[in-house]
Every structure is written in structure tokens, then in C-alpha cells.
Amino acid sequence: MGKYVQWMTFKNKKILFLNAKGLREADYMVAQEELKQELLKARTAALVLVDATGTEMNTKTTNKAKEVAAATKAEGIPDGPSVVVGLTGLQKAVAQLFGRGVHFSGTIEEAKEWLVKEDDKRR
């Protein structure tokens, strides 16, 4: 597992967690690459939780997130529920432009609960 990405279990559900809290551009790029590699390795729709609280967002970081989404789509990996915690209003607006069905939550606990409910709906 990478420095920023780890699998966690919540209510018997596996969640891929990207801890990008407070990252500056260079580290955020590394974190997004770790996320991409883990999603490609999993080869299946994953429940994804991203903590982006205080993360530096700019054109490069936005493009990297787009790259992750495009790479999984190109490999035929179906979208799983994804939730982001810690974005400001403007950051949310930008994230909605490239996110494939991204949901936003106020806290990590709310985000995990939302992922579990969404996964149950799919089954």
C-alpha cells in the first residue's frame, strides 16, 4: 500500500481511503497516482473516500484527478460510489466538473456511512 492510500473496513465494507489532508501540489500528485494504481490493481468498482481537507487545488491537481478517472474508465473499471470530504464551495464546483458521480460529505464518518448505504443500494 502507498503512503497516502489504504484499504479500510467499515461495517463489513472495504473502502479505499485516500488521505490527502493538507497536501501541497507535489504530494497530492503522488497521492492521486497511488489511488489510480490501487484502483487499476483492484480491477473492480471500489468504494472510494478522499479526505481533501486543506489540500492545495489548482489546474495541475484537477488534471491529475481527471487522469485517474480517465484511466479507470479506459480499463473498463466500473464506477463505484465516491465521496470527498473537506472541500470548499468553489472546490466542490470544480470537482463536480470532472468527478464521475462524486458525493461530498462534511465528515469522514458521514462519508463512510454514505458509502455503505450506496453500496447496499447497488446490491
C-alpha atoms as a PDB file:
ATOM      1  CA  MET A   1       0.000   0.000   0.000  1.00  0.00           C
ATOM      2  CA  GLY A   2       1.151   3.523  -0.651  1.00  0.00           C
ATOM      3  CA  LYS A   3       1.940   6.379   1.652  1.00  0.00           C
ATOM      4  CA  TYR A   4      -1.430   8.073   1.083  1.00  0.00           C
ATOM      5  CA  VAL A   5      -3.786   5.237   0.087  1.00  0.00           C
ATOM      6  CA  GLN A   6      -5.048   2.413   2.257  1.00  0.00           C
ATOM      7  CA  TRP A   7      -7.938  -0.014   2.433  1.00  0.00           C
ATOM      8  CA  MET A   8     -10.167   0.198   5.491  1.00  0.00           C
ATOM      9  CA  THR A   9     -13.173  -1.796   6.591  1.00  0.00           C
ATOM     10  CA  PHE A  10     -16.336  -0.132   7.854  1.00  0.00           C
ATOM     11  CA  LYS A  11     -19.490  -2.128   8.577  1.00  0.00           C
ATOM     12  CA  ASN A  12     -18.021  -5.089   6.681  1.00  0.00           C
ATOM     13  CA  LYS A  13     -17.392  -2.975   3.562  1.00  0.00           C
ATOM     14  CA  LYS A  14     -13.958  -2.396   2.046  1.00  0.00           C
ATOM     15  CA  ILE A  15     -13.292   1.282   1.429  1.00  0.00           C
ATOM     16  CA  LEU A  16     -10.307   2.666  -0.436  1.00  0.00           C
ATOM     17  CA  PHE A  17      -9.206   5.733   1.539  1.00  0.00           C
ATOM     18  CA  LEU A  18      -7.046   8.492   0.084  1.00  0.00           C
ATOM     19  CA  ASN A  19      -5.676  10.680   2.861  1.00  0.00           C
ATOM     20  CA  ALA A  20      -4.836  13.905   1.013  1.00  0.00           C
ATOM     21  CA  LYS A  21      -5.430  16.130   4.033  1.00  0.00           C
ATOM     22  CA  GLY A  22      -3.246  19.229   3.877  1.00  0.00           C
ATOM     23  CA  LEU A  23      -1.193  18.078   0.894  1.00  0.00           C
ATOM     24  CA  ARG A  24       0.551  20.533  -1.367  1.00  0.00           C
ATOM     25  CA  GLU A  25       0.613  20.067  -5.118  1.00  0.00           C
ATOM     26  CA  ALA A  26       3.587  17.688  -5.449  1.00  0.00           C
ATOM     27  CA  ASP A  27       2.417  15.341  -2.698  1.00  0.00           C
ATOM     28  CA  TYR A  28      -1.173  15.484  -3.950  1.00  0.00           C
ATOM     29  CA  MET A  29       0.028  14.352  -7.380  1.00  0.00           C
ATOM     30  CA  VAL A  30       1.778  11.377  -5.762  1.00  0.00           C
ATOM     31  CA  ALA A  31      -1.345  10.585  -3.722  1.00  0.00           C
ATOM     32  CA  GLN A  32      -3.581  10.634  -6.808  1.00  0.00           C
ATOM     33  CA  GLU A  33      -1.150   8.355  -8.632  1.00  0.00           C
ATOM     34  CA  GLU A  34      -1.287   5.909  -5.716  1.00  0.00           C
ATOM     35  CA  LEU A  35      -5.075   5.990  -5.909  1.00  0.00           C
ATOM     36  CA  LYS A  36      -5.008   5.322  -9.647  1.00  0.00           C
ATOM     37  CA  GLN A  37      -2.621   2.392  -9.282  1.00  0.00           C
ATOM     38  CA  GLU A  38      -4.682   0.839  -6.481  1.00  0.00           C
ATOM     39  CA  LEU A  39      -7.909   1.184  -8.482  1.00  0.00           C
ATOM     40  CA  LEU A  40      -6.258  -0.364 -11.539  1.00  0.00           C
ATOM     41  CA  LYS A  41      -4.926  -3.205  -9.393  1.00  0.00           C
ATOM     42  CA  ALA A  42      -8.345  -3.847  -7.826  1.00  0.00           C
ATOM     43  CA  ARG A  43      -9.939  -4.123 -11.305  1.00  0.00           C
ATOM     44  CA  THR A  44     -13.406  -3.644  -9.837  1.00  0.00           C
ATOM     45  CA  ALA A  45     -15.695  -0.875  -8.671  1.00  0.00           C
ATOM     46  CA  ALA A  46     -14.393   0.315  -5.319  1.00  0.00           C
ATOM     47  CA  LEU A  47     -15.908   2.415  -2.575  1.00  0.00           C
ATOM     48  CA  VAL A  48     -13.623   5.466  -2.532  1.00  0.00           C
ATOM     49  CA  LEU A  49     -13.254   8.031   0.245  1.00  0.00           C
ATOM     50  CA  VAL A  50     -10.977  11.059  -0.206  1.00  0.00           C
ATOM     51  CA  ASP A  51     -10.099  13.460   2.601  1.00  0.00           C
ATOM     52  CA  ALA A  52      -9.118  16.644   0.764  1.00  0.00           C
ATOM     53  CA  THR A  53      -9.277  18.969   3.772  1.00  0.00           C
ATOM     54  CA  GLY A  54      -6.824  21.825   3.264  1.00  0.00           C
ATOM     55  CA  THR A  55      -5.435  20.318   0.075  1.00  0.00           C
ATOM     56  CA  GLU A  56      -3.882  22.628  -2.487  1.00  0.00           C
ATOM     57  CA  MET A  57      -6.118  22.610  -5.565  1.00  0.00           C
ATOM     58  CA  ASN A  58      -5.082  24.063  -8.904  1.00  0.00           C
ATOM     59  CA  THR A  59      -5.126  23.193 -12.601  1.00  0.00           C
ATOM     60  CA  LYS A  60      -2.434  20.524 -12.235  1.00  0.00           C
ATOM     61  CA  THR A  61      -4.162  18.761  -9.352  1.00  0.00           C
ATOM     62  CA  THR A  62      -7.510  18.939 -11.138  1.00  0.00           C
ATOM     63  CA  ASN A  63      -5.978  17.465 -14.278  1.00  0.00           C
ATOM     64  CA  LYS A  64      -4.417  14.653 -12.260  1.00  0.00           C
ATOM     65  CA  ALA A  65      -7.817  13.761 -10.803  1.00  0.00           C
ATOM     66  CA  LYS A  66      -9.251  13.751 -14.338  1.00  0.00           C
ATOM     67  CA  GLU A  67      -6.421  11.426 -15.376  1.00  0.00           C
ATOM     68  CA  VAL A  68      -7.325   8.970 -12.624  1.00  0.00           C
ATOM     69  CA  ALA A  69     -10.968   8.908 -13.729  1.00  0.00           C
ATOM     70  CA  ALA A  70      -9.993   8.514 -17.393  1.00  0.00           C
ATOM     71  CA  ALA A  71      -7.540   5.699 -16.665  1.00  0.00           C
ATOM     72  CA  THR A  72     -10.076   3.601 -14.779  1.00  0.00           C
ATOM     73  CA  LYS A  73     -12.735   4.252 -17.409  1.00  0.00           C
ATOM     74  CA  ALA A  74     -10.319   3.267 -20.203  1.00  0.00           C
ATOM     75  CA  GLU A  75      -9.657  -0.024 -18.413  1.00  0.00           C
ATOM     76  CA  GLY A  76     -13.370  -0.736 -18.191  1.00  0.00           C
ATOM     77  CA  ILE A  77     -13.458  -0.482 -14.425  1.00  0.00           C
ATOM     78  CA  PRO A  78     -16.987   0.467 -13.388  1.00  0.00           C
ATOM     79  CA  ASP A  79     -17.545   3.477 -11.199  1.00  0.00           C
ATOM     80  CA  GLY A  80     -18.098   2.777  -7.548  1.00  0.00           C
ATOM     81  CA  PRO A  81     -19.515   5.253  -5.092  1.00  0.00           C
ATOM     82  CA  SER A  82     -17.011   8.023  -4.346  1.00  0.00           C
ATOM     83  CA  VAL A  83     -17.146  10.635  -1.630  1.00  0.00           C
ATOM     84  CA  VAL A  84     -14.912  13.600  -0.869  1.00  0.00           C
ATOM     85  CA  VAL A  85     -14.591  15.308   2.498  1.00  0.00           C
ATOM     86  CA  GLY A  86     -13.157  18.762   3.172  1.00  0.00           C
ATOM     87  CA  LEU A  87     -13.744  20.768   0.003  1.00  0.00           C
ATOM     88  CA  THR A  88     -14.811  24.396  -0.013  1.00  0.00           C
ATOM     89  CA  GLY A  89     -17.729  25.602  -2.129  1.00  0.00           C
ATOM     90  CA  LEU A  90     -15.536  26.564  -5.096  1.00  0.00           C
ATOM     91  CA  GLN A  91     -13.526  23.358  -4.870  1.00  0.00           C
ATOM     92  CA  LYS A  92     -16.774  21.353  -4.901  1.00  0.00           C
ATOM     93  CA  ALA A  93     -17.913  23.148  -8.033  1.00  0.00           C
ATOM     94  CA  VAL A  94     -14.636  22.326  -9.783  1.00  0.00           C
ATOM     95  CA  ALA A  95     -14.703  18.719  -8.553  1.00  0.00           C
ATOM     96  CA  GLN A  96     -18.194  18.241  -9.975  1.00  0.00           C
ATOM     97  CA  LEU A  97     -16.870  19.143 -13.414  1.00  0.00           C
ATOM     98  CA  PHE A  98     -14.541  16.147 -13.560  1.00  0.00           C
ATOM     99  CA  GLY A  99     -15.973  13.783 -10.962  1.00  0.00           C
ATOM    100  CA  ARG A 100     -17.947  10.791 -12.122  1.00  0.00           C
ATOM    101  CA  GLY A 101     -20.788  10.836  -9.620  1.00  0.00           C
ATOM    102  CA  VAL A 102     -18.753  12.222  -6.737  1.00  0.00           C
ATOM    103  CA  HIS A 103     -20.622  12.905  -3.495  1.00  0.00           C
ATOM    104  CA  PHE A 104     -19.493  15.405  -0.858  1.00  0.00           C
ATOM    105  CA  SER A 105     -19.723  14.944   2.910  1.00  0.00           C
ATOM    106  CA  GLY A 106     -18.908  17.116   5.885  1.00  0.00           C
ATOM    107  CA  THR A 107     -17.054  14.477   7.912  1.00  0.00           C
ATOM    108  CA  ILE A 108     -15.243  11.186   7.419  1.00  0.00           C
ATOM    109  CA  GLU A 109     -17.870   9.347   9.489  1.00  0.00           C
ATOM    110  CA  GLU A 110     -20.723  10.756   7.370  1.00  0.00           C
ATOM    111  CA  ALA A 111     -18.782   9.794   4.258  1.00  0.00           C
ATOM    112  CA  LYS A 112     -18.304   6.194   5.403  1.00  0.00           C
ATOM    113  CA  GLU A 113     -21.997   5.895   6.268  1.00  0.00           C
ATOM    114  CA  TRP A 114     -22.943   7.266   2.846  1.00  0.00           C
ATOM    115  CA  LEU A 115     -20.639   4.791   1.073  1.00  0.00           C
ATOM    116  CA  VAL A 116     -22.163   1.844   2.953  1.00  0.00           C
ATOM    117  CA  LYS A 117     -25.699   2.956   2.061  1.00  0.00           C
ATOM    118  CA  GLU A 118     -24.790   3.487  -1.581  1.00  0.00           C
ATOM    119  CA  ASP A 119     -23.115   0.098  -1.798  1.00  0.00           C
ATOM    120  CA  ASP A 120     -26.187  -1.564  -0.254  1.00  0.00           C
ATOM    121  CA  LYS A 121     -28.385   0.122  -2.894  1.00  0.00           C
ATOM    122  CA  ARG A 122     -26.243  -1.403  -5.659  1.00  0.00           C
ATOM    123  CA  ARG A 123     -26.687  -4.950  -4.349  1.00  0.00           C
END
